[in-house]
Amino acid sequence: MLRRGAKYAIFAVTAVTAGEGRRGLRQSYPPPTAKGDRKMAHRLLKIAAVYFVIAVCMGTYMGAAQDLSLVPVHAHLNLLGWVSLGIIGCLYLQKPALATTRLAKLHFWLHNIGTPLMMLGVWLLHSGVNPELGEPLAGIFSIVTVIGIIAFAVNLWRGIDRA
């Protein structure tokens, strides 16, 4: 049996949520402040799914061929592509104001230019196709990716309390 105070608390919560109707159930995150606020989040989630498909296909190929020489490429595509961008996309859905900044755009482009080209360099290096080209390619574009990730971190630290 519920205590008297608990009964009133349950009644109050039920009365408040019942008054909101269907609108209250649909809004699980803050409404956007501008029309394009969710565009960056959706873009990040879509590109994360592309990285995921590529990484899974690569992992399947490596398993079937019993050739694990490309594990570094596979792992980086999963972590830098699928996991990182998926988490950031979800964060931007929850905090849409963070997605509208110049730092968010800078992060998106640097991350998505740097990661594929860095993976190309790592592939050239580990596959033995052209290690002389792969090493500088991986080095230069890993720096590009890191700068993009720093842009994300600065954006988060500056705006999380205001978002």
N, C-alpha and C. Protein backbone atom coordinates (compact mmCIF):
# COMPACT_ATOMS: atom_id res chain seq x y z
N MET A 1 0.85 -1.18 0.00
CA MET A 1 0.00 0.00 0.00
C MET A 1 0.90 1.24 0.00
N LEU A 2 0.52 2.25 -0.79
CA LEU A 2 1.29 3.47 -0.91
C LEU A 2 1.04 4.38 0.28
N ARG A 3 2.08 5.09 0.65
CA ARG A 3 1.89 6.11 1.68
C ARG A 3 1.06 7.25 1.12
N ARG A 4 0.52 8.04 2.02
CA ARG A 4 -0.35 9.13 1.61
C ARG A 4 0.37 10.12 0.70
N GLY A 5 1.62 10.49 1.01
CA GLY A 5 2.38 11.45 0.22
C GLY A 5 2.70 10.91 -1.17
N ALA A 6 2.98 9.61 -1.23
CA ALA A 6 3.30 9.00 -2.53
C ALA A 6 2.08 9.02 -3.44
N LYS A 7 0.88 8.82 -2.87
CA LYS A 7 -0.34 8.85 -3.67
C LYS A 7 -0.52 10.23 -4.30
N TYR A 8 -0.28 11.28 -3.51
CA TYR A 8 -0.42 12.64 -4.04
C TYR A 8 0.63 12.93 -5.11
N ALA A 9 1.84 12.43 -4.94
CA ALA A 9 2.91 12.65 -5.93
C ALA A 9 2.56 11.96 -7.24
N ILE A 10 2.07 10.74 -7.17
CA ILE A 10 1.68 10.02 -8.38
C ILE A 10 0.52 10.74 -9.06
N PHE A 11 -0.45 11.22 -8.28
CA PHE A 11 -1.57 11.95 -8.85
C PHE A 11 -1.09 13.23 -9.54
N ALA A 12 -0.17 13.94 -8.94
CA ALA A 12 0.33 15.19 -9.51
C ALA A 12 1.06 14.94 -10.82
N VAL A 13 1.93 13.92 -10.87
CA VAL A 13 2.65 13.59 -12.10
C VAL A 13 1.68 13.17 -13.19
N THR A 14 0.69 12.35 -12.84
CA THR A 14 -0.29 11.90 -13.81
C THR A 14 -1.10 13.07 -14.35
N ALA A 15 -1.47 14.00 -13.49
CA ALA A 15 -2.27 15.15 -13.91
C ALA A 15 -1.45 16.04 -14.86
N VAL A 16 -0.19 16.25 -14.56
CA VAL A 16 0.67 17.10 -15.40
C VAL A 16 0.89 16.46 -16.76
N THR A 17 1.26 15.17 -16.79
CA THR A 17 1.53 14.52 -18.07
C THR A 17 0.27 14.32 -18.88
N ALA A 18 -0.87 14.10 -18.23
CA ALA A 18 -2.12 13.94 -18.96
C ALA A 18 -2.52 15.25 -19.63
N GLY A 19 -2.22 16.37 -19.01
CA GLY A 19 -2.55 17.67 -19.58
C GLY A 19 -1.75 17.98 -20.83
N GLU A 20 -0.56 17.40 -20.99
CA GLU A 20 0.27 17.68 -22.16
C GLU A 20 -0.23 16.94 -23.39
N GLY A 21 -0.94 15.86 -23.20
CA GLY A 21 -1.46 15.10 -24.33
C GLY A 21 -0.36 14.49 -25.17
N ARG A 22 -0.64 14.31 -26.44
CA ARG A 22 0.32 13.66 -27.35
C ARG A 22 1.54 14.52 -27.59
N ARG A 23 1.38 15.83 -27.57
CA ARG A 23 2.50 16.72 -27.82
C ARG A 23 3.64 16.48 -26.83
N GLY A 24 3.32 16.29 -25.57
CA GLY A 24 4.33 16.08 -24.55
C GLY A 24 5.09 14.78 -24.74
N LEU A 25 4.44 13.76 -25.29
CA LEU A 25 5.10 12.49 -25.49
C LEU A 25 6.07 12.53 -26.67
N ARG A 26 5.78 13.32 -27.68
CA ARG A 26 6.63 13.38 -28.87
C ARG A 26 7.90 14.18 -28.64
N GLN A 27 7.88 15.16 -27.77
CA GLN A 27 9.03 16.03 -27.58
C GLN A 27 9.94 15.48 -26.50
N SER A 28 10.80 14.55 -26.88
CA SER A 28 11.72 13.98 -25.90
C SER A 28 13.02 14.77 -25.84
N TYR A 29 13.22 15.71 -26.76
CA TYR A 29 14.39 16.57 -26.73
C TYR A 29 13.93 17.99 -27.05
N PRO A 30 14.77 18.98 -26.75
CA PRO A 30 14.32 20.36 -26.95
C PRO A 30 13.96 20.63 -28.40
N PRO A 31 12.94 21.43 -28.64
CA PRO A 31 12.58 21.75 -30.02
C PRO A 31 13.69 22.58 -30.66
N PRO A 32 13.88 22.48 -31.97
CA PRO A 32 14.94 23.24 -32.61
C PRO A 32 14.64 24.73 -32.58
N THR A 33 15.70 25.52 -32.55
CA THR A 33 15.52 26.97 -32.54
C THR A 33 15.46 27.51 -33.96
N ALA A 34 15.96 26.77 -34.92
CA ALA A 34 15.91 27.16 -36.32
C ALA A 34 15.63 25.93 -37.16
N LYS A 35 15.21 26.15 -38.39
CA LYS A 35 14.81 25.04 -39.24
C LYS A 35 15.94 24.03 -39.47
N GLY A 36 17.16 24.50 -39.63
CA GLY A 36 18.26 23.62 -39.98
C GLY A 36 19.04 23.04 -38.81
N ASP A 37 18.59 23.22 -37.59
CA ASP A 37 19.35 22.76 -36.42
C ASP A 37 19.63 21.26 -36.43
N ARG A 38 18.72 20.46 -36.90
CA ARG A 38 18.88 19.01 -36.88
C ARG A 38 19.61 18.50 -38.13
N LYS A 39 19.83 19.36 -39.09
CA LYS A 39 20.45 18.96 -40.35
C LYS A 39 21.86 18.38 -40.11
N MET A 40 22.64 19.04 -39.28
CA MET A 40 24.00 18.56 -39.01
C MET A 40 23.96 17.21 -38.29
N ALA A 41 23.06 17.05 -37.34
CA ALA A 41 22.93 15.78 -36.62
C ALA A 41 22.57 14.66 -37.59
N HIS A 42 21.63 14.93 -38.47
CA HIS A 42 21.22 13.91 -39.45
C HIS A 42 22.36 13.59 -40.41
N ARG A 43 23.09 14.61 -40.81
CA ARG A 43 24.23 14.40 -41.70
C ARG A 43 25.28 13.51 -41.02
N LEU A 44 25.56 13.77 -39.76
CA LEU A 44 26.55 12.97 -39.02
C LEU A 44 26.09 11.52 -38.87
N LEU A 45 24.83 11.33 -38.56
CA LEU A 45 24.32 9.96 -38.40
C LEU A 45 24.33 9.20 -39.73
N LYS A 46 24.02 9.88 -40.81
CA LYS A 46 24.05 9.22 -42.12
C LYS A 46 25.47 8.83 -42.52
N ILE A 47 26.42 9.73 -42.34
CA ILE A 47 27.80 9.41 -42.71
C ILE A 47 28.37 8.35 -41.76
N ALA A 48 27.94 8.35 -40.50
CA ALA A 48 28.37 7.29 -39.56
C ALA A 48 27.90 5.93 -40.06
N ALA A 49 26.68 5.87 -40.57
CA ALA A 49 26.15 4.61 -41.10
C ALA A 49 26.95 4.15 -42.32
N VAL A 50 27.41 5.09 -43.14
CA VAL A 50 28.25 4.73 -44.30
C VAL A 50 29.57 4.13 -43.82
N TYR A 51 30.19 4.78 -42.84
CA TYR A 51 31.44 4.23 -42.28
C TYR A 51 31.20 2.83 -41.71
N PHE A 52 30.07 2.65 -41.05
CA PHE A 52 29.75 1.35 -40.44
C PHE A 52 29.63 0.26 -41.50
N VAL A 53 28.91 0.54 -42.58
CA VAL A 53 28.75 -0.44 -43.66
C VAL A 53 30.11 -0.79 -44.27
N ILE A 54 30.94 0.23 -44.52
CA ILE A 54 32.26 -0.03 -45.10
C ILE A 54 33.10 -0.89 -44.15
N ALA A 55 33.09 -0.55 -42.86
CA ALA A 55 33.88 -1.30 -41.88
C ALA A 55 33.40 -2.74 -41.74
N VAL A 56 32.09 -2.95 -41.74
CA VAL A 56 31.55 -4.30 -41.62
C VAL A 56 31.90 -5.12 -42.87
N CYS A 57 31.77 -4.52 -44.04
CA CYS A 57 32.14 -5.23 -45.28
C CYS A 57 33.62 -5.57 -45.26
N MET A 58 34.45 -4.64 -44.82
CA MET A 58 35.88 -4.90 -44.73
C MET A 58 36.18 -6.03 -43.75
N GLY A 59 35.51 -6.01 -42.60
CA GLY A 59 35.70 -7.06 -41.60
C GLY A 59 35.26 -8.42 -42.13
N THR A 60 34.16 -8.44 -42.86
CA THR A 60 33.68 -9.69 -43.45
C THR A 60 34.68 -10.23 -44.47
N TYR A 61 35.20 -9.34 -45.31
CA TYR A 61 36.20 -9.74 -46.29
C TYR A 61 37.46 -10.28 -45.60
N MET A 62 37.92 -9.58 -44.56
CA MET A 62 39.14 -10.03 -43.87
C MET A 62 38.93 -11.41 -43.25
N GLY A 63 37.77 -11.63 -42.69
CA GLY A 63 37.49 -12.93 -42.10
C GLY A 63 37.42 -14.04 -43.14
N ALA A 64 36.77 -13.75 -44.26
CA ALA A 64 36.64 -14.76 -45.32
C ALA A 64 37.98 -15.07 -45.96
N ALA A 65 38.79 -14.05 -46.15
CA ALA A 65 40.10 -14.23 -46.80
C ALA A 65 41.17 -14.66 -45.79
N GLN A 66 40.84 -14.62 -44.53
CA GLN A 66 41.79 -14.91 -43.45
C GLN A 66 43.05 -14.05 -43.58
N ASP A 67 42.82 -12.78 -43.92
CA ASP A 67 43.89 -11.80 -44.07
C ASP A 67 43.60 -10.65 -43.12
N LEU A 68 44.33 -10.57 -42.04
CA LEU A 68 44.09 -9.55 -41.02
C LEU A 68 45.03 -8.36 -41.13
N SER A 69 45.64 -8.18 -42.29
CA SER A 69 46.60 -7.09 -42.44
C SER A 69 45.93 -5.71 -42.39
N LEU A 70 44.64 -5.66 -42.63
CA LEU A 70 43.94 -4.37 -42.64
C LEU A 70 43.13 -4.10 -41.37
N VAL A 71 43.46 -4.80 -40.31
CA VAL A 71 42.75 -4.57 -39.03
C VAL A 71 42.86 -3.11 -38.59
N PRO A 72 44.01 -2.43 -38.75
CA PRO A 72 44.05 -1.01 -38.34
C PRO A 72 43.04 -0.14 -39.10
N VAL A 73 42.87 -0.38 -40.39
CA VAL A 73 41.90 0.39 -41.17
C VAL A 73 40.48 0.07 -40.69
N HIS A 74 40.20 -1.21 -40.51
CA HIS A 74 38.89 -1.65 -40.05
C HIS A 74 38.55 -1.03 -38.68
N ALA A 75 39.49 -1.07 -37.76
CA ALA A 75 39.25 -0.53 -36.42
C ALA A 75 39.04 0.98 -36.44
N HIS A 76 39.86 1.68 -37.22
CA HIS A 76 39.72 3.14 -37.28
C HIS A 76 38.42 3.56 -37.96
N LEU A 77 38.00 2.83 -38.98
CA LEU A 77 36.72 3.15 -39.62
C LEU A 77 35.56 2.97 -38.63
N ASN A 78 35.64 1.91 -37.83
CA ASN A 78 34.60 1.69 -36.83
C ASN A 78 34.62 2.77 -35.76
N LEU A 79 35.78 3.08 -35.22
CA LEU A 79 35.84 4.01 -34.09
C LEU A 79 35.74 5.48 -34.50
N LEU A 80 36.52 5.90 -35.50
CA LEU A 80 36.46 7.29 -35.93
C LEU A 80 35.22 7.58 -36.77
N GLY A 81 34.77 6.58 -37.51
CA GLY A 81 33.61 6.78 -38.37
C GLY A 81 32.31 6.48 -37.68
N TRP A 82 32.05 5.21 -37.47
CA TRP A 82 30.76 4.77 -36.94
C TRP A 82 30.51 5.25 -35.51
N VAL A 83 31.39 4.93 -34.59
CA VAL A 83 31.14 5.21 -33.17
C VAL A 83 31.21 6.71 -32.87
N SER A 84 32.32 7.34 -33.23
CA SER A 84 32.49 8.76 -32.88
C SER A 84 31.44 9.64 -33.53
N LEU A 85 31.26 9.50 -34.84
CA LEU A 85 30.30 10.37 -35.52
C LEU A 85 28.87 10.04 -35.12
N GLY A 86 28.59 8.77 -34.83
CA GLY A 86 27.25 8.41 -34.34
C GLY A 86 26.95 9.04 -33.00
N ILE A 87 27.90 9.00 -32.09
CA ILE A 87 27.71 9.62 -30.77
C ILE A 87 27.55 11.13 -30.90
N ILE A 88 28.38 11.74 -31.73
CA ILE A 88 28.29 13.20 -31.90
C ILE A 88 26.96 13.57 -32.55
N GLY A 89 26.50 12.78 -33.52
CA GLY A 89 25.19 13.03 -34.12
C GLY A 89 24.08 12.95 -33.10
N CYS A 90 24.13 11.96 -32.21
CA CYS A 90 23.12 11.84 -31.15
C CYS A 90 23.20 13.02 -30.19
N LEU A 91 24.41 13.46 -29.87
CA LEU A 91 24.58 14.63 -29.01
C LEU A 91 23.96 15.86 -29.64
N TYR A 92 24.17 16.04 -30.94
CA TYR A 92 23.61 17.19 -31.64
C TYR A 92 22.09 17.10 -31.74
N LEU A 93 21.53 15.90 -31.72
CA LEU A 93 20.06 15.79 -31.66
C LEU A 93 19.55 16.27 -30.31
N GLN A 94 20.29 15.97 -29.26
CA GLN A 94 19.89 16.38 -27.91
C GLN A 94 20.16 17.86 -27.64
N LYS A 95 21.24 18.37 -28.21
CA LYS A 95 21.65 19.76 -28.00
C LYS A 95 21.82 20.44 -29.36
N PRO A 96 20.73 20.75 -30.04
CA PRO A 96 20.80 21.24 -31.42
C PRO A 96 21.55 22.56 -31.57
N ALA A 97 21.63 23.36 -30.53
CA ALA A 97 22.35 24.62 -30.63
C ALA A 97 23.84 24.38 -30.89
N LEU A 98 24.39 23.28 -30.41
CA LEU A 98 25.80 22.97 -30.66
C LEU A 98 26.07 22.70 -32.13
N ALA A 99 25.08 22.23 -32.85
CA ALA A 99 25.27 21.84 -34.25
C ALA A 99 25.27 23.03 -35.20
N THR A 100 24.92 24.20 -34.74
CA THR A 100 24.79 25.36 -35.62
C THR A 100 26.04 26.23 -35.65
N THR A 101 27.06 25.88 -34.90
CA THR A 101 28.25 26.73 -34.79
C THR A 101 29.21 26.48 -35.95
N ARG A 102 30.11 27.43 -36.13
CA ARG A 102 31.18 27.27 -37.13
C ARG A 102 32.10 26.11 -36.75
N LEU A 103 32.32 25.93 -35.46
CA LEU A 103 33.17 24.82 -35.01
C LEU A 103 32.55 23.47 -35.37
N ALA A 104 31.24 23.36 -35.31
CA ALA A 104 30.57 22.10 -35.68
C ALA A 104 30.78 21.81 -37.16
N LYS A 105 30.65 22.84 -37.99
CA LYS A 105 30.87 22.67 -39.43
C LYS A 105 32.33 22.35 -39.73
N LEU A 106 33.23 23.05 -39.05
CA LEU A 106 34.66 22.78 -39.22
C LEU A 106 34.98 21.35 -38.84
N HIS A 107 34.45 20.89 -37.70
CA HIS A 107 34.67 19.52 -37.27
C HIS A 107 34.16 18.53 -38.32
N PHE A 108 32.94 18.74 -38.79
CA PHE A 108 32.36 17.82 -39.76
C PHE A 108 33.26 17.66 -40.98
N TRP A 109 33.68 18.77 -41.56
CA TRP A 109 34.46 18.69 -42.79
C TRP A 109 35.87 18.16 -42.56
N LEU A 110 36.54 18.62 -41.51
CA LEU A 110 37.89 18.11 -41.26
C LEU A 110 37.87 16.62 -40.92
N HIS A 111 36.90 16.21 -40.13
CA HIS A 111 36.80 14.79 -39.74
C HIS A 111 36.52 13.92 -40.97
N ASN A 112 35.65 14.39 -41.85
CA ASN A 112 35.24 13.57 -42.98
C ASN A 112 36.12 13.72 -44.22
N ILE A 113 37.03 14.65 -44.20
CA ILE A 113 38.09 14.70 -45.22
C ILE A 113 39.30 13.94 -44.69
N GLY A 114 39.64 14.18 -43.43
CA GLY A 114 40.82 13.57 -42.84
C GLY A 114 40.73 12.07 -42.66
N THR A 115 39.61 11.58 -42.16
CA THR A 115 39.49 10.14 -41.86
C THR A 115 39.62 9.25 -43.09
N PRO A 116 38.87 9.48 -44.17
CA PRO A 116 39.03 8.59 -45.33
C PRO A 116 40.43 8.64 -45.94
N LEU A 117 41.00 9.84 -46.00
CA LEU A 117 42.35 9.94 -46.59
C LEU A 117 43.41 9.34 -45.67
N MET A 118 43.21 9.48 -44.37
CA MET A 118 44.11 8.82 -43.42
C MET A 118 43.98 7.30 -43.57
N MET A 119 42.77 6.79 -43.74
CA MET A 119 42.56 5.35 -43.91
C MET A 119 43.16 4.85 -45.22
N LEU A 120 43.11 5.68 -46.26
CA LEU A 120 43.78 5.32 -47.51
C LEU A 120 45.28 5.18 -47.28
N GLY A 121 45.86 6.12 -46.55
CA GLY A 121 47.29 6.05 -46.22
C GLY A 121 47.63 4.83 -45.40
N VAL A 122 46.82 4.52 -44.40
CA VAL A 122 47.06 3.34 -43.56
C VAL A 122 46.93 2.07 -44.41
N TRP A 123 45.96 2.05 -45.31
CA TRP A 123 45.80 0.89 -46.20
C TRP A 123 47.03 0.73 -47.09
N LEU A 124 47.49 1.83 -47.71
CA LEU A 124 48.68 1.76 -48.56
C LEU A 124 49.89 1.29 -47.78
N LEU A 125 49.99 1.71 -46.55
CA LEU A 125 51.11 1.34 -45.68
C LEU A 125 51.06 -0.13 -45.28
N HIS A 126 49.91 -0.60 -44.81
CA HIS A 126 49.81 -1.97 -44.28
C HIS A 126 49.61 -3.03 -45.35
N SER A 127 49.07 -2.64 -46.49
CA SER A 127 48.89 -3.64 -47.55
C SER A 127 50.16 -3.84 -48.36
N GLY A 128 51.09 -2.92 -48.23
CA GLY A 128 52.33 -3.03 -48.99
C GLY A 128 52.22 -2.52 -50.41
N VAL A 129 51.06 -1.97 -50.78
CA VAL A 129 50.87 -1.47 -52.15
C VAL A 129 51.82 -0.31 -52.44
N ASN A 130 51.86 0.67 -51.55
CA ASN A 130 52.74 1.82 -51.75
C ASN A 130 53.03 2.46 -50.39
N PRO A 131 53.90 1.83 -49.59
CA PRO A 131 54.17 2.37 -48.25
C PRO A 131 54.83 3.75 -48.27
N GLU A 132 55.55 4.06 -49.35
CA GLU A 132 56.21 5.37 -49.43
C GLU A 132 55.19 6.51 -49.51
N LEU A 133 54.08 6.25 -50.16
CA LEU A 133 53.00 7.24 -50.24
C LEU A 133 52.08 7.14 -49.02
N GLY A 134 51.87 5.94 -48.53
CA GLY A 134 50.95 5.71 -47.42
C GLY A 134 51.35 6.39 -46.13
N GLU A 135 52.65 6.36 -45.83
CA GLU A 135 53.10 6.94 -44.56
C GLU A 135 52.85 8.44 -44.46
N PRO A 136 53.28 9.25 -45.44
CA PRO A 136 52.97 10.68 -45.30
C PRO A 136 51.48 10.99 -45.41
N LEU A 137 50.75 10.23 -46.23
CA LEU A 137 49.31 10.43 -46.37
C LEU A 137 48.61 10.18 -45.03
N ALA A 138 48.96 9.08 -44.38
CA ALA A 138 48.37 8.77 -43.07
C ALA A 138 48.76 9.82 -42.04
N GLY A 139 50.00 10.26 -42.07
CA GLY A 139 50.46 11.26 -41.10
C GLY A 139 49.78 12.60 -41.25
N ILE A 140 49.74 13.10 -42.47
CA ILE A 140 49.15 14.43 -42.72
C ILE A 140 47.66 14.43 -42.40
N PHE A 141 46.95 13.42 -42.87
CA PHE A 141 45.50 13.43 -42.68
C PHE A 141 45.08 12.98 -41.29
N SER A 142 45.96 12.33 -40.54
CA SER A 142 45.64 12.09 -39.14
C SER A 142 45.66 13.41 -38.38
N ILE A 143 46.57 14.31 -38.77
CA ILE A 143 46.61 15.64 -38.15
C ILE A 143 45.34 16.42 -38.50
N VAL A 144 44.90 16.32 -39.74
CA VAL A 144 43.65 16.98 -40.16
C VAL A 144 42.48 16.46 -39.31
N THR A 145 42.41 15.15 -39.12
CA THR A 145 41.34 14.55 -38.32
C THR A 145 41.42 15.01 -36.87
N VAL A 146 42.62 15.06 -36.32
CA VAL A 146 42.80 15.51 -34.93
C VAL A 146 42.35 16.96 -34.78
N ILE A 147 42.68 17.81 -35.73
CA ILE A 147 42.24 19.21 -35.66
C ILE A 147 40.71 19.28 -35.67
N GLY A 148 40.08 18.45 -36.49
CA GLY A 148 38.61 18.39 -36.50
C GLY A 148 38.06 17.95 -35.16
N ILE A 149 38.67 16.97 -34.55
CA ILE A 149 38.21 16.48 -33.24
C ILE A 149 38.42 17.54 -32.16
N ILE A 150 39.51 18.28 -32.25
CA ILE A 150 39.74 19.38 -31.31
C ILE A 150 38.66 20.44 -31.50
N ALA A 151 38.27 20.72 -32.75
CA ALA A 151 37.18 21.68 -33.00
C ALA A 151 35.89 21.21 -32.34
N PHE A 152 35.60 19.91 -32.42
CA PHE A 152 34.42 19.37 -31.74
C PHE A 152 34.53 19.58 -30.23
N ALA A 153 35.69 19.24 -29.66
CA ALA A 153 35.87 19.35 -28.20
C ALA A 153 35.72 20.80 -27.73
N VAL A 154 36.28 21.74 -28.46
CA VAL A 154 36.16 23.16 -28.10
C VAL A 154 34.69 23.58 -28.20
N ASN A 155 34.02 23.17 -29.26
CA ASN A 155 32.60 23.47 -29.43
C ASN A 155 31.79 22.93 -28.25
N LEU A 156 32.08 21.71 -27.84
CA LEU A 156 31.37 21.10 -26.71
C LEU A 156 31.63 21.86 -25.42
N TRP A 157 32.89 22.15 -25.14
CA TRP A 157 33.24 22.83 -23.89
C TRP A 157 32.67 24.25 -23.83
N ARG A 158 32.66 24.93 -24.96
CA ARG A 158 32.13 26.30 -24.98
C ARG A 158 30.61 26.35 -24.88
N GLY A 159 29.93 25.38 -25.51
CA GLY A 159 28.50 25.53 -25.67
C GLY A 159 27.60 24.61 -24.90
N ILE A 160 28.12 23.59 -24.23
CA ILE A 160 27.26 22.59 -23.60
C ILE A 160 26.37 23.20 -22.52
N ASP A 161 26.87 24.17 -21.78
CA ASP A 161 26.06 24.77 -20.72
C ASP A 161 24.99 25.70 -21.27
N ARG A 162 25.23 26.27 -22.46
CA ARG A 162 24.27 27.18 -23.06
C ARG A 162 23.27 26.47 -23.96
N ALA A 163 23.59 25.25 -24.39
CA ALA A 163 22.73 24.54 -25.35
C ALA A 163 21.49 23.98 -24.69
